[in-house]
Amino acid sequence: MYILGISCFFHDSSAALLKDGRVVAAIQEERLTRKKHDNSFPSGAIDYCLSSQGILIDEIDFIVFYEKPLLKFERLLCQFIETFPRGWRRFLAVIPVWLGERLRIMKAVRKKLGYKKSVLFVEHHQAHAAGSFFCSPFEKAAILTVDGAGEWATTAYGFGDKDRIKLAGQINFPHSLGLFYSAITAYLGFPVNDSEYKVMGLGAYGEKDKLKNIYYEKLRGAIDIKEDGSFRIDMSYFEYHYAGRMPSSKLCSLLGGPVREKDSSIEKRHQDIAAALQMITEEAVFKILNHLYDIYKCKNIILAGGVALNSVLNGKIPEKTKFKNVWIQPNAADGGTSLGAALFAYHQIFANGNRRLLPDAYLGPEYSDQEIKEFLDRNRAAYHEFADKKELVEKTARLIFEDKIIGWFQGREEWGPRALGARSILANPLNPKMKDILNLGVKHRENFRPFAPAVCREDAGEYFKLDKALFIPAEYMLAVCPIKKYWQTKIPAVCHIDGTARPQIVKRSDNPPYYDLIKKFGKISGVPILVNTSFNINREPIVSSLKDAYLCFLNTGIDYLVMGNFLIKKQ
């Protein structure tokens, strides 16, 4: 049985394919169109999923969509009626779009794909929950999904038991932790649904003492959080529920000034606001999690939704809650709902019992050495082909030790927003100047942003204070933890301002060349850690094709490009 899940028309369109319940392919549309957060119908992603298995659309048994459009349209109508006449302009902009393809998903699927079989629909937070629980290692687990908004729900919780999930409660729009976070992201001058992780990183520079941070009390007054984690937002501070804009003039007044202009300087108050936002988000989520533990008395927790990508929060779950095991799928935000929709249909609708673990995060396209060689020859690239992978790994490790920056393009592409050693830029963590070199000369991004360390699983405990509960999320770079004091000055390129890092834990079974490269660098340098950042520049998706990687290599400060068994040097 083939089931194809799709998500589109909001942000981060994607497609995912199951074969008899096993995830065989998944990719976001942005990787193929090169449009960051592309929300269009995922034609390219669907084509990849089909071609990966050598099948045609007629061989798909069911297509599953990640939301129920009529239910979401009902919410939109209700919010515009409730806020009339303030939302009139937004109404005129939004409703005509919805009366097109967004309400006619069945027609769009049939027209664009020529598909004649059944199209199914699942609720947004069901897709989030299924996308994490059904490919997790847990037989039973509490489930929490938190994001901006689905149809009505912005937060939902429940329980997964073998091949069934049941969401037992939810908090509805406009009360949303995700939109609360996005609104402050917008106030700080960053684009929403794109830069919330920047604000998370910026918060490390701010005042973390609630009593000293004046913005904590200010922002805390705009959201009422109960002891069970349920919350209500004072909507007089926000306009996203009717105008599409995030901060209101009242919020600007509360925070002591206008919205920060894009690319303007970041002041101390911006850092403190980011820190206050992070504290409030953690406070709400930890109260919800502790409430869930009291309800279900289960040591396992599943997180999903955009807020589940908040790696600073995730890293504190073992300390702040009673949960002992944490699972978060590598594409926990809306980009991963296509996978969740397909899994929900397979297990929950068709009651299939053979659950399959997510094998790893490498679910995208790959290229053979022959394809790589033909591409390099067509482009008259200067390269050396290695017959032995071990020689390539040793040469690359020595180049990194010599402070060369490497574009690393190997195997199947990663699923999710984090580069995990398939489409990565790699560098020397021992160089105190490397953070600035990468931010300014390669990534072209803000200088306050940190870089992640990649470390082999058996070595992680030597360098990082990482709770065992977080080892699996850390495989997908989804948990921040302290660097041990001794090592903070030894690996400055991956040490954030507060002495923390977001490590990627690497197993050889998942990615042998990457694992071997880290080990080889460790033998040369004495420290088996690499700087790992995504293979892209600011405001562009991670590279997907050979052309994407080659152009990024040519147009940035990357010194060498490794693709398959080829080492490419700039001419």
Protein backbone atom coordinates (compact mmCIF):
# COMPACT_ATOMS: atom_id res chain seq x y z
CA MET A 1 0.00 0.00 0.00
CA TYR A 2 1.30 3.43 -0.98
CA ILE A 3 0.00 6.48 0.90
CA LEU A 4 1.06 9.99 -0.08
CA GLY A 5 0.79 12.79 2.47
CA ILE A 6 0.82 16.42 1.35
CA SER A 7 0.79 19.82 3.07
CA CYS A 8 0.56 23.20 1.36
CA PHE A 9 -1.03 26.66 1.06
CA PHE A 10 0.15 28.05 4.41
CA HIS A 11 3.91 27.67 4.72
CA ASP A 12 6.50 24.91 4.30
CA SER A 13 4.71 22.78 1.72
CA SER A 14 5.92 19.19 1.58
CA ALA A 15 5.16 15.64 0.52
CA ALA A 16 5.90 12.30 2.18
CA LEU A 17 5.41 8.75 0.95
CA LEU A 18 4.68 5.56 2.90
CA LYS A 19 5.09 2.07 1.52
CA ASP A 20 3.24 -0.44 3.70
CA GLY A 21 3.61 1.94 6.63
CA ARG A 22 7.35 2.54 6.15
CA VAL A 23 8.57 6.06 5.39
CA VAL A 24 10.44 5.81 2.08
CA ALA A 25 10.66 9.45 0.91
CA ALA A 26 9.93 12.96 2.16
CA ILE A 27 10.96 16.45 1.11
CA GLN A 28 9.84 20.08 1.41
CA GLU A 29 8.93 21.96 -1.74
CA GLU A 30 11.29 24.84 -0.90
CA ARG A 31 14.32 22.63 -1.49
CA LEU A 32 13.31 22.15 -5.11
CA THR A 33 11.87 25.58 -5.98
CA ARG A 34 14.53 27.50 -3.97
CA LYS A 35 11.78 29.66 -2.43
CA LYS A 36 12.20 29.77 1.36
CA HIS A 37 9.07 28.46 3.11
CA ASP A 38 7.38 27.83 -0.23
CA ASN A 39 3.65 27.31 0.40
CA SER A 40 2.60 26.34 -3.13
CA PHE A 41 1.14 22.99 -4.16
CA PRO A 42 4.09 20.57 -3.71
CA SER A 43 4.29 19.31 -7.29
CA GLY A 44 8.07 18.94 -7.19
CA ALA A 45 8.06 17.18 -3.81
CA ILE A 46 5.38 14.76 -5.04
CA ASP A 47 7.35 14.05 -8.22
CA TYR A 48 10.42 13.23 -6.12
CA CYS A 49 8.48 10.88 -3.84
CA LEU A 50 7.05 9.00 -6.81
CA SER A 51 10.34 8.81 -8.71
CA SER A 52 12.18 7.57 -5.61
CA GLN A 53 10.08 4.41 -5.82
CA GLY A 54 9.75 4.28 -9.60
CA ILE A 55 5.96 4.54 -9.48
CA LEU A 56 3.24 6.62 -11.11
CA ILE A 57 0.48 8.58 -9.39
CA ASP A 58 -2.07 5.87 -10.25
CA GLU A 59 -0.16 3.47 -8.02
CA ILE A 60 -0.84 5.63 -4.96
CA ASP A 61 -3.70 4.09 -2.97
CA PHE A 62 -4.61 7.21 -0.97
CA ILE A 63 -3.58 10.85 -0.83
CA VAL A 64 -3.98 12.50 2.58
CA PHE A 65 -4.10 16.25 3.24
CA TYR A 66 -2.78 17.67 6.50
CA GLU A 67 -5.77 19.86 7.42
CA LYS A 68 -9.54 20.07 7.13
CA PRO A 69 -10.02 23.16 4.95
CA LEU A 70 -13.72 23.64 5.69
CA LEU A 71 -13.07 23.66 9.41
CA LYS A 72 -10.27 26.18 9.00
CA PHE A 73 -12.46 28.34 6.75
CA GLU A 74 -15.13 28.29 9.46
CA ARG A 75 -12.59 29.64 11.94
CA LEU A 76 -11.52 32.40 9.55
CA LEU A 77 -15.13 33.51 9.03
CA CYS A 78 -15.75 33.49 12.77
CA GLN A 79 -12.66 35.55 13.56
CA PHE A 80 -13.54 38.17 10.93
CA ILE A 81 -17.12 38.39 12.17
CA GLU A 82 -15.99 38.75 15.78
CA THR A 83 -13.49 41.49 14.93
CA PHE A 84 -15.64 43.41 12.41
CA PRO A 85 -15.05 46.11 11.23
CA ARG A 86 -11.35 46.09 12.23
CA GLY A 87 -10.60 43.07 10.08
CA TRP A 88 -12.41 44.27 6.98
CA ARG A 89 -9.30 44.89 4.86
CA ARG A 90 -7.81 41.56 5.86
CA PHE A 91 -11.11 39.85 5.05
CA LEU A 92 -11.06 41.27 1.51
CA ALA A 93 -7.48 40.04 1.05
CA VAL A 94 -7.88 36.55 2.53
CA ILE A 95 -11.32 35.26 1.57
CA PRO A 96 -10.89 35.40 -2.25
CA VAL A 97 -7.74 33.28 -1.88
CA TRP A 98 -9.65 30.75 0.18
CA LEU A 99 -12.48 30.58 -2.32
CA GLY A 100 -9.92 29.36 -4.84
CA GLU A 101 -7.65 26.33 -4.40
CA ARG A 102 -7.60 26.32 -0.61
CA LEU A 103 -11.21 25.17 -0.35
CA ARG A 104 -10.95 22.93 -3.37
CA ILE A 105 -8.08 20.64 -2.43
CA MET A 106 -9.78 17.62 -3.99
CA LYS A 107 -10.11 19.45 -7.31
CA ALA A 108 -6.53 20.74 -7.14
CA VAL A 109 -5.17 17.24 -6.52
CA ARG A 110 -7.14 15.76 -9.38
CA LYS A 111 -6.25 18.58 -11.78
CA LYS A 112 -2.54 18.89 -10.96
CA LEU A 113 -1.80 15.21 -10.53
CA GLY A 114 -4.46 13.50 -12.63
CA TYR A 115 -5.35 11.48 -9.55
CA LYS A 116 -8.72 9.68 -9.58
CA LYS A 117 -8.76 7.81 -6.26
CA SER A 118 -9.69 8.95 -2.74
CA VAL A 119 -8.32 12.06 -1.05
CA LEU A 120 -8.57 12.01 2.74
CA PHE A 121 -8.30 14.86 5.26
CA VAL A 122 -7.01 14.85 8.84
CA GLU A 123 -6.96 17.68 11.36
CA HIS A 124 -3.80 19.74 11.61
CA HIS A 125 -2.85 18.76 15.16
CA GLN A 126 -3.70 15.12 14.48
CA ALA A 127 -1.11 15.27 11.70
CA HIS A 128 1.43 16.82 14.07
CA ALA A 129 0.80 14.16 16.72
CA ALA A 130 0.81 11.24 14.29
CA GLY A 131 3.97 12.46 12.57
CA SER A 132 5.86 12.13 15.83
CA PHE A 133 4.20 9.29 17.74
CA PHE A 134 3.79 6.69 15.01
CA CYS A 135 7.48 6.72 14.05
CA SER A 136 8.74 7.03 17.64
CA PRO A 137 10.27 4.16 19.65
CA PHE A 138 7.54 4.41 22.33
CA GLU A 139 4.69 1.94 22.77
CA LYS A 140 2.93 4.51 24.92
CA ALA A 141 3.49 8.22 25.38
CA ALA A 142 1.86 11.48 26.37
CA ILE A 143 1.58 13.84 23.41
CA LEU A 144 1.78 17.63 23.25
CA THR A 145 1.49 19.67 20.06
CA VAL A 146 2.04 23.43 20.14
CA ASP A 147 2.17 25.78 17.15
CA GLY A 148 0.67 28.95 15.68
CA ALA A 149 -2.71 27.59 14.67
CA GLY A 150 -4.31 24.71 12.86
CA GLU A 151 -8.02 24.81 12.10
CA TRP A 152 -9.05 26.01 15.57
CA ALA A 153 -6.49 24.40 17.86
CA THR A 154 -3.20 26.08 18.69
CA THR A 155 -2.25 23.63 21.44
CA ALA A 156 -3.45 20.05 21.81
CA TYR A 157 -2.61 17.19 24.14
CA GLY A 158 -3.42 13.54 24.42
CA PHE A 159 -2.00 10.04 24.57
CA GLY A 160 -0.60 7.49 22.16
CA ASP A 161 -1.01 3.77 22.82
CA LYS A 162 0.51 1.33 20.32
CA ASP A 163 -1.36 2.04 17.07
CA ARG A 164 -3.82 4.67 18.29
CA ILE A 165 -3.61 8.28 19.36
CA LYS A 166 -6.31 10.26 21.10
CA LEU A 167 -6.14 14.03 21.55
CA ALA A 168 -8.09 14.77 24.71
CA GLY A 169 -7.95 18.56 24.97
CA GLN A 170 -6.98 21.72 23.14
CA ILE A 171 -6.59 25.49 23.36
CA ASN A 172 -8.14 27.40 20.49
CA PHE A 173 -7.26 30.40 18.34
CA PRO A 174 -6.57 33.28 18.92
CA HIS A 175 -4.86 32.12 22.13
CA SER A 176 -1.60 30.73 20.80
CA LEU A 177 1.90 30.34 22.23
CA GLY A 178 3.26 30.05 18.72
CA LEU A 179 1.66 33.32 17.59
CA PHE A 180 2.64 35.00 20.86
CA TYR A 181 6.25 34.06 20.09
CA SER A 182 5.87 35.16 16.46
CA ALA A 183 4.42 38.52 17.46
CA ILE A 184 7.46 39.34 19.57
CA THR A 185 9.68 38.01 16.78
CA ALA A 186 8.04 40.59 14.50
CA TYR A 187 8.46 43.31 17.13
CA LEU A 188 12.18 42.52 17.26
CA GLY A 189 12.42 43.10 13.51
CA PHE A 190 12.58 39.52 12.24
CA PRO A 191 10.22 37.83 9.75
CA VAL A 192 7.66 35.47 11.29
CA ASN A 193 7.48 31.77 10.45
CA ASP A 194 11.15 32.08 9.59
CA SER A 195 13.20 33.68 12.37
CA GLU A 196 11.75 32.54 15.68
CA TYR A 197 14.89 30.45 16.19
CA LYS A 198 16.97 33.62 15.83
CA VAL A 199 15.04 35.19 18.71
CA MET A 200 15.64 32.03 20.75
CA GLY A 201 19.39 32.44 20.17
CA LEU A 202 19.23 36.18 20.87
CA GLY A 203 17.61 35.49 24.24
CA ALA A 204 20.88 34.01 25.53
CA TYR A 205 22.35 37.54 25.51
CA GLY A 206 19.51 38.95 27.62
CA GLU A 207 18.83 39.12 31.37
CA LYS A 208 17.53 35.72 32.52
CA ASP A 209 16.60 36.67 36.08
CA LYS A 210 12.84 37.29 36.15
CA LEU A 211 13.22 39.81 38.95
CA LYS A 212 15.79 41.85 37.04
CA ASN A 213 14.31 41.57 33.57
CA ILE A 214 11.66 44.33 33.43
CA TYR A 215 10.25 42.97 30.17
CA TYR A 216 9.36 39.66 31.78
CA GLU A 217 6.75 41.31 34.00
CA LYS A 218 5.50 43.45 31.11
CA LEU A 219 5.02 40.54 28.73
CA ARG A 220 3.77 38.24 31.49
CA GLY A 221 0.94 40.69 32.01
CA ALA A 222 -0.21 40.04 28.44
CA ILE A 223 -0.75 36.31 28.97
CA ASP A 224 -2.59 34.55 31.80
CA ILE A 225 -1.02 31.14 32.45
CA LYS A 226 -2.81 28.78 34.84
CA GLU A 227 -1.15 26.10 36.94
CA ASP A 228 -2.22 23.38 34.49
CA GLY A 229 -0.59 25.33 31.66
CA SER A 230 -3.81 26.50 30.04
CA PHE A 231 -3.50 30.13 29.00
CA ARG A 232 -5.34 33.11 27.61
CA ILE A 233 -3.72 36.02 25.81
CA ASP A 234 -4.81 39.63 26.25
CA MET A 235 -5.61 40.26 22.59
CA SER A 236 -5.61 44.03 23.01
CA TYR A 237 -1.81 43.78 22.62
CA PHE A 238 -1.99 41.94 19.29
CA GLU A 239 -3.52 42.32 15.85
CA TYR A 240 -2.77 38.98 14.18
CA HIS A 241 -6.35 37.77 14.70
CA TYR A 242 -7.83 40.39 12.39
CA ALA A 243 -5.19 42.47 10.61
CA GLY A 244 -2.40 40.07 9.76
CA ARG A 245 0.05 42.33 11.57
CA MET A 246 1.67 40.99 14.70
CA PRO A 247 2.44 43.75 17.26
CA SER A 248 -0.15 46.45 18.07
CA SER A 249 0.63 50.02 19.07
CA LYS A 250 -0.31 48.98 22.61
CA LEU A 251 2.37 46.28 22.57
CA CYS A 252 4.93 48.78 21.24
CA SER A 253 4.03 51.11 24.08
CA LEU A 254 4.32 48.27 26.60
CA LEU A 255 7.80 47.36 25.36
CA GLY A 256 9.03 50.93 25.26
CA GLY A 257 9.41 51.75 21.60
CA PRO A 258 8.48 51.04 17.98
CA VAL A 259 9.09 47.82 16.07
CA ARG A 260 12.80 47.40 15.40
CA GLU A 261 13.66 48.24 11.82
CA LYS A 262 14.93 45.32 9.76
CA ASP A 263 18.75 45.05 9.80
CA SER A 264 19.09 47.92 12.32
CA SER A 265 21.31 47.52 15.37
CA ILE A 266 20.20 45.23 18.18
CA GLU A 267 20.06 46.95 21.56
CA LYS A 268 20.26 45.53 25.07
CA ARG A 269 16.49 45.90 25.48
CA HIS A 270 15.93 43.72 22.41
CA GLN A 271 18.08 41.03 24.00
CA ASP A 272 16.14 41.31 27.28
CA ILE A 273 12.79 41.11 25.46
CA ALA A 274 13.94 37.95 23.68
CA ALA A 275 15.04 36.46 27.02
CA ALA A 276 11.70 37.36 28.63
CA LEU A 277 9.78 35.78 25.75
CA GLN A 278 11.75 32.56 26.09
CA MET A 279 11.13 32.42 29.86
CA ILE A 280 7.38 32.88 29.42
CA THR A 281 7.18 30.24 26.69
CA GLU A 282 9.07 27.76 28.84
CA GLU A 283 6.88 28.56 31.84
CA ALA A 284 3.70 27.76 29.91
CA VAL A 285 5.00 24.60 28.24
CA PHE A 286 6.52 23.14 31.40
CA LYS A 287 3.26 23.67 33.28
CA ILE A 288 1.39 21.86 30.50
CA LEU A 289 3.92 19.03 30.53
CA ASN A 290 3.74 18.59 34.30
CA HIS A 291 -0.04 18.56 34.05
CA LEU A 292 0.16 15.84 31.39
CA TYR A 293 2.43 13.74 33.58
CA ASP A 294 -0.06 14.03 36.43
CA ILE A 295 -2.83 12.86 34.09
CA TYR A 296 -1.10 9.98 32.30
CA LYS A 297 1.70 8.95 34.69
CA CYS A 298 3.79 7.92 31.68
CA LYS A 299 7.54 8.58 31.50
CA ASN A 300 7.50 9.11 27.72
CA ILE A 301 6.62 12.42 26.05
CA ILE A 302 6.09 13.24 22.37
CA LEU A 303 6.40 16.86 21.24
CA ALA A 304 5.28 18.26 17.89
CA GLY A 305 4.39 21.55 16.22
CA GLY A 306 6.56 24.56 15.54
CA VAL A 307 7.20 25.23 19.23
CA ALA A 308 8.76 21.76 19.47
CA LEU A 309 11.68 23.17 17.47
CA ASN A 310 12.53 25.42 20.42
CA SER A 311 15.69 23.53 21.31
CA VAL A 312 16.45 25.68 24.37
CA LEU A 313 13.11 24.67 25.88
CA ASN A 314 13.58 21.03 24.87
CA GLY A 315 16.93 20.85 26.61
CA LYS A 316 15.31 21.67 29.96
CA ILE A 317 12.52 19.06 29.86
CA PRO A 318 14.35 16.48 32.05
CA GLU A 319 15.14 19.17 34.63
CA LYS A 320 11.74 20.89 34.68
CA THR A 321 9.41 17.87 34.30
CA LYS A 322 9.15 14.24 35.37
CA PHE A 323 9.40 12.84 31.85
CA LYS A 324 12.33 10.50 31.32
CA ASN A 325 12.20 9.93 27.55
CA VAL A 326 11.61 12.55 24.85
CA TRP A 327 10.86 12.09 21.16
CA ILE A 328 10.56 14.86 18.56
CA GLN A 329 10.57 14.11 14.87
CA PRO A 330 13.23 15.95 12.83
CA ASN A 331 10.61 17.97 10.93
CA ALA A 332 8.33 18.80 13.84
CA ALA A 333 6.80 22.00 12.39
CA ASP A 334 4.34 22.30 9.50
CA GLY A 335 6.85 20.92 7.02
CA GLY A 336 6.46 17.55 8.74
CA THR A 337 2.66 17.40 8.67
CA SER A 338 2.60 15.66 5.29
CA LEU A 339 4.31 12.69 6.96
CA GLY A 340 1.92 12.93 9.90
CA ALA A 341 -1.12 12.97 7.63
CA ALA A 342 0.03 9.81 5.86
CA LEU A 343 0.85 8.03 9.13
CA PHE A 344 -2.49 9.03 10.70
CA ALA A 345 -4.36 7.51 7.75
CA TYR A 346 -2.30 4.33 7.75
CA HIS A 347 -2.64 3.60 11.46
CA GLN A 348 -5.70 5.46 12.67
CA ILE A 349 -8.06 5.30 9.68
CA PHE A 350 -7.05 1.96 8.17
CA ALA A 351 -6.06 0.40 11.52
CA ASN A 352 -2.79 -1.09 10.32
CA GLY A 353 -0.76 -2.34 13.24
CA ASN A 354 2.80 -2.73 11.94
CA ARG A 355 4.34 0.48 13.23
CA ARG A 356 7.74 1.31 11.78
CA LEU A 357 10.37 3.45 13.46
CA LEU A 358 11.71 6.41 11.54
CA PRO A 359 14.97 4.81 10.32
CA ASP A 360 16.83 8.14 10.22
CA ALA A 361 16.34 11.67 8.91
CA TYR A 362 17.80 10.99 5.45
CA LEU A 363 14.69 10.78 3.27
CA GLY A 364 15.48 13.12 0.37
CA PRO A 365 17.24 12.88 -3.02
CA GLU A 366 20.74 11.48 -3.54
CA TYR A 367 23.18 11.40 -6.45
CA SER A 368 25.50 8.70 -7.71
CA ASP A 369 29.21 9.31 -8.26
CA GLN A 370 28.58 9.00 -12.00
CA GLU A 371 25.99 11.79 -11.87
CA ILE A 372 28.36 13.94 -9.81
CA LYS A 373 31.27 13.36 -12.24
CA GLU A 374 29.14 14.25 -15.26
CA PHE A 375 27.99 17.44 -13.55
CA LEU A 376 31.52 18.48 -12.59
CA ASP A 377 32.84 17.80 -16.10
CA ARG A 378 30.05 19.83 -17.68
CA ASN A 379 30.97 22.74 -15.43
CA ARG A 380 34.73 22.31 -15.96
CA ALA A 381 35.27 22.06 -12.23
CA ALA A 382 38.71 21.38 -10.73
CA TYR A 383 38.34 18.18 -8.74
CA HIS A 384 40.06 15.07 -7.48
CA GLU A 385 38.21 11.76 -7.39
CA PHE A 386 39.07 9.42 -4.52
CA ALA A 387 38.82 5.69 -5.10
CA ASP A 388 38.78 5.07 -1.36
CA LYS A 389 36.31 6.84 0.95
CA LYS A 390 38.80 6.57 3.81
CA GLU A 391 41.31 8.68 1.88
CA LEU A 392 38.65 11.29 1.13
CA VAL A 393 37.67 11.42 4.81
CA GLU A 394 41.29 11.77 5.95
CA LYS A 395 42.03 14.53 3.44
CA THR A 396 38.88 16.41 4.41
CA ALA A 397 39.62 16.11 8.13
CA ARG A 398 43.10 17.58 7.59
CA LEU A 399 41.68 20.46 5.56
CA ILE A 400 39.24 21.25 8.37
CA PHE A 401 42.07 21.14 10.90
CA GLU A 402 43.89 23.67 8.68
CA ASP A 403 40.84 25.94 9.09
CA LYS A 404 39.44 25.30 5.63
CA ILE A 405 35.65 25.49 5.35
CA ILE A 406 34.03 22.47 3.71
CA GLY A 407 30.75 22.13 1.85
CA TRP A 408 29.70 18.54 2.62
CA PHE A 409 27.22 16.95 0.17
CA GLN A 410 26.74 13.24 0.84
CA GLY A 411 24.00 10.65 0.45
CA ARG A 412 20.30 11.34 0.84
CA GLU A 413 19.14 14.80 1.86
CA GLU A 414 17.90 15.45 5.41
CA TRP A 415 14.22 15.77 6.34
CA GLY A 416 13.58 18.89 8.38
CA PRO A 417 15.14 22.31 8.95
CA ARG A 418 18.43 21.09 10.43
CA ALA A 419 21.46 20.01 8.40
CA LEU A 420 22.53 16.65 9.79
CA GLY A 421 25.67 15.77 7.86
CA ALA A 422 24.21 15.26 4.40
CA ARG A 423 23.89 18.88 3.25
CA SER A 424 26.20 20.59 5.76
CA ILE A 425 28.94 23.18 5.99
CA LEU A 426 31.72 21.88 8.26
CA ALA A 427 34.52 23.73 10.03
CA ASN A 428 37.05 23.70 12.87
CA PRO A 429 35.46 24.27 16.32
CA LEU A 430 38.85 25.03 17.91
CA ASN A 431 39.35 28.28 15.99
CA PRO A 432 38.11 31.26 18.06
CA LYS A 433 37.60 33.30 14.88
CA MET A 434 35.60 30.63 13.05
CA LYS A 435 32.20 31.83 14.29
CA ASP A 436 32.72 35.27 12.76
CA ILE A 437 34.27 33.83 9.62
CA LEU A 438 31.23 31.64 9.03
CA ASN A 439 28.60 34.24 9.94
CA LEU A 440 30.10 37.02 7.83
CA GLY A 441 31.98 35.30 5.02
CA VAL A 442 29.84 32.23 4.37
CA LYS A 443 26.36 32.40 5.86
CA HIS A 444 25.88 36.19 5.47
CA ARG A 445 23.83 36.38 8.65
CA GLU A 446 23.64 38.12 12.05
CA ASN A 447 26.83 37.85 14.09
CA PHE A 448 25.03 36.89 17.33
CA ARG A 449 23.89 33.54 15.95
CA PRO A 450 25.65 30.40 17.26
CA PHE A 451 26.83 27.29 15.46
CA ALA A 452 26.20 23.67 16.38
CA PRO A 453 28.76 20.99 17.25
CA ALA A 454 28.57 17.51 15.72
CA VAL A 455 29.88 14.78 18.01
CA CYS A 456 29.78 10.98 17.93
CA ARG A 457 27.36 9.39 20.35
CA GLU A 458 29.97 7.69 22.55
CA ASP A 459 31.97 10.92 22.89
CA ALA A 460 29.12 13.30 23.74
CA GLY A 461 29.31 12.83 27.52
CA GLU A 462 32.92 14.00 27.58
CA TYR A 463 32.03 17.48 26.34
CA PHE A 464 28.34 18.13 27.00
CA LYS A 465 25.97 17.94 29.96
CA LEU A 466 23.28 16.18 27.97
CA ASP A 467 20.63 14.19 29.80
CA LYS A 468 20.08 10.68 28.43
CA ALA A 469 16.46 11.57 27.78
CA LEU A 470 17.63 14.00 25.11
CA PHE A 471 20.00 11.79 23.12
CA ILE A 472 17.39 10.97 20.47
CA PRO A 473 16.22 14.59 19.96
CA ALA A 474 19.90 15.56 19.86
CA GLU A 475 20.38 13.23 16.88
CA TYR A 476 18.20 15.74 15.04
CA MET A 477 19.84 18.78 16.68
CA LEU A 478 16.73 19.59 18.73
CA ALA A 479 18.07 20.11 22.26
CA VAL A 480 20.38 22.74 23.75
CA CYS A 481 22.58 21.76 26.70
CA PRO A 482 25.52 23.18 28.67
CA ILE A 483 29.06 22.59 27.46
CA LYS A 484 31.21 21.31 30.30
CA LYS A 485 33.16 24.20 31.84
CA TYR A 486 36.61 22.97 30.86
CA TRP A 487 35.68 22.69 27.19
CA GLN A 488 33.90 26.02 26.74
CA THR A 489 37.12 27.85 25.90
CA LYS A 490 38.53 24.89 23.95
CA ILE A 491 35.72 24.78 21.37
CA PRO A 492 34.85 28.49 21.06
CA ALA A 493 33.30 28.22 17.58
CA VAL A 494 30.38 26.16 18.95
CA CYS A 495 30.06 27.73 22.42
CA HIS A 496 27.19 30.22 22.71
CA ILE A 497 27.40 33.32 24.90
CA ASP A 498 25.82 31.44 27.83
CA GLY A 499 28.12 28.40 27.62
CA THR A 500 25.58 26.21 25.85
CA ALA A 501 25.46 24.41 22.52
CA ARG A 502 22.93 22.54 20.38
CA PRO A 503 24.86 19.34 19.66
CA GLN A 504 24.13 16.85 16.95
CA ILE A 505 24.69 13.32 18.22
CA VAL A 506 25.95 11.13 15.37
CA LYS A 507 25.71 7.34 15.09
CA ARG A 508 27.80 5.51 12.52
CA SER A 509 24.85 3.35 11.47
CA ASP A 510 23.01 6.49 10.35
CA ASN A 511 25.79 8.21 8.40
CA PRO A 512 29.14 6.33 8.14
CA PRO A 513 31.20 8.92 6.17
CA TYR A 514 30.13 11.76 8.45
CA TYR A 515 30.81 9.74 11.59
CA ASP A 516 34.23 8.69 10.28
CA LEU A 517 35.08 12.30 9.41
CA ILE A 518 34.34 13.46 12.96
CA LYS A 519 36.47 10.63 14.37
CA LYS A 520 39.33 11.34 12.00
CA PHE A 521 39.29 15.04 12.88
CA GLY A 522 39.41 14.00 16.53
CA LYS A 523 42.54 11.90 15.95
CA ILE A 524 44.25 14.84 14.25
CA SER A 525 43.11 17.60 16.63
CA GLY A 526 42.50 15.76 19.90
CA VAL A 527 38.85 16.91 19.92
CA PRO A 528 36.32 14.76 17.97
CA ILE A 529 33.88 17.60 17.26
CA LEU A 530 33.05 19.54 14.09
CA VAL A 531 31.19 22.77 13.50
CA ASN A 532 28.06 21.77 11.56
CA THR A 533 25.80 24.37 9.97
CA SER A 534 23.31 24.11 7.15
CA PHE A 535 24.61 24.21 3.58
CA ASN A 536 22.97 27.48 2.48
CA ILE A 537 23.25 31.21 2.92
CA ASN A 538 20.89 33.43 4.88
CA ARG A 539 17.30 33.53 3.55
CA GLU A 540 17.79 30.59 1.21
CA PRO A 541 16.73 26.96 1.67
CA ILE A 542 19.33 24.28 2.32
CA VAL A 543 20.88 23.11 -0.95
CA SER A 544 19.29 20.10 -2.59
CA SER A 545 20.73 19.57 -6.08
CA LEU A 546 24.29 19.38 -7.33
CA LYS A 547 23.80 22.77 -8.95
CA ASP A 548 22.57 24.32 -5.68
CA ALA A 549 25.63 23.06 -3.82
CA TYR A 550 28.10 24.11 -6.52
CA LEU A 551 26.71 27.66 -6.81
CA CYS A 552 26.71 28.11 -3.02
CA PHE A 553 30.32 26.89 -2.96
CA LEU A 554 31.38 29.31 -5.70
CA ASN A 555 29.62 32.35 -4.25
CA THR A 556 30.63 32.10 -0.58
CA GLY A 557 33.75 31.70 1.52
CA ILE A 558 33.56 27.90 1.39
CA ASP A 559 37.05 26.66 0.52
CA TYR A 560 36.36 23.12 -0.70
CA LEU A 561 33.31 21.16 -1.76
CA VAL A 562 32.99 17.43 -1.11
CA MET A 563 30.33 15.65 -3.17
CA GLY A 564 30.29 11.87 -3.10
CA ASN A 565 33.89 10.75 -3.63
CA PHE A 566 34.94 14.05 -5.19
CA LEU A 567 36.91 16.90 -3.63
CA ILE A 568 36.33 20.13 -5.56
CA LYS A 569 38.66 23.10 -5.30
CA LYS A 570 37.97 26.67 -6.34
CA GLN A 571 39.87 27.66 -9.48
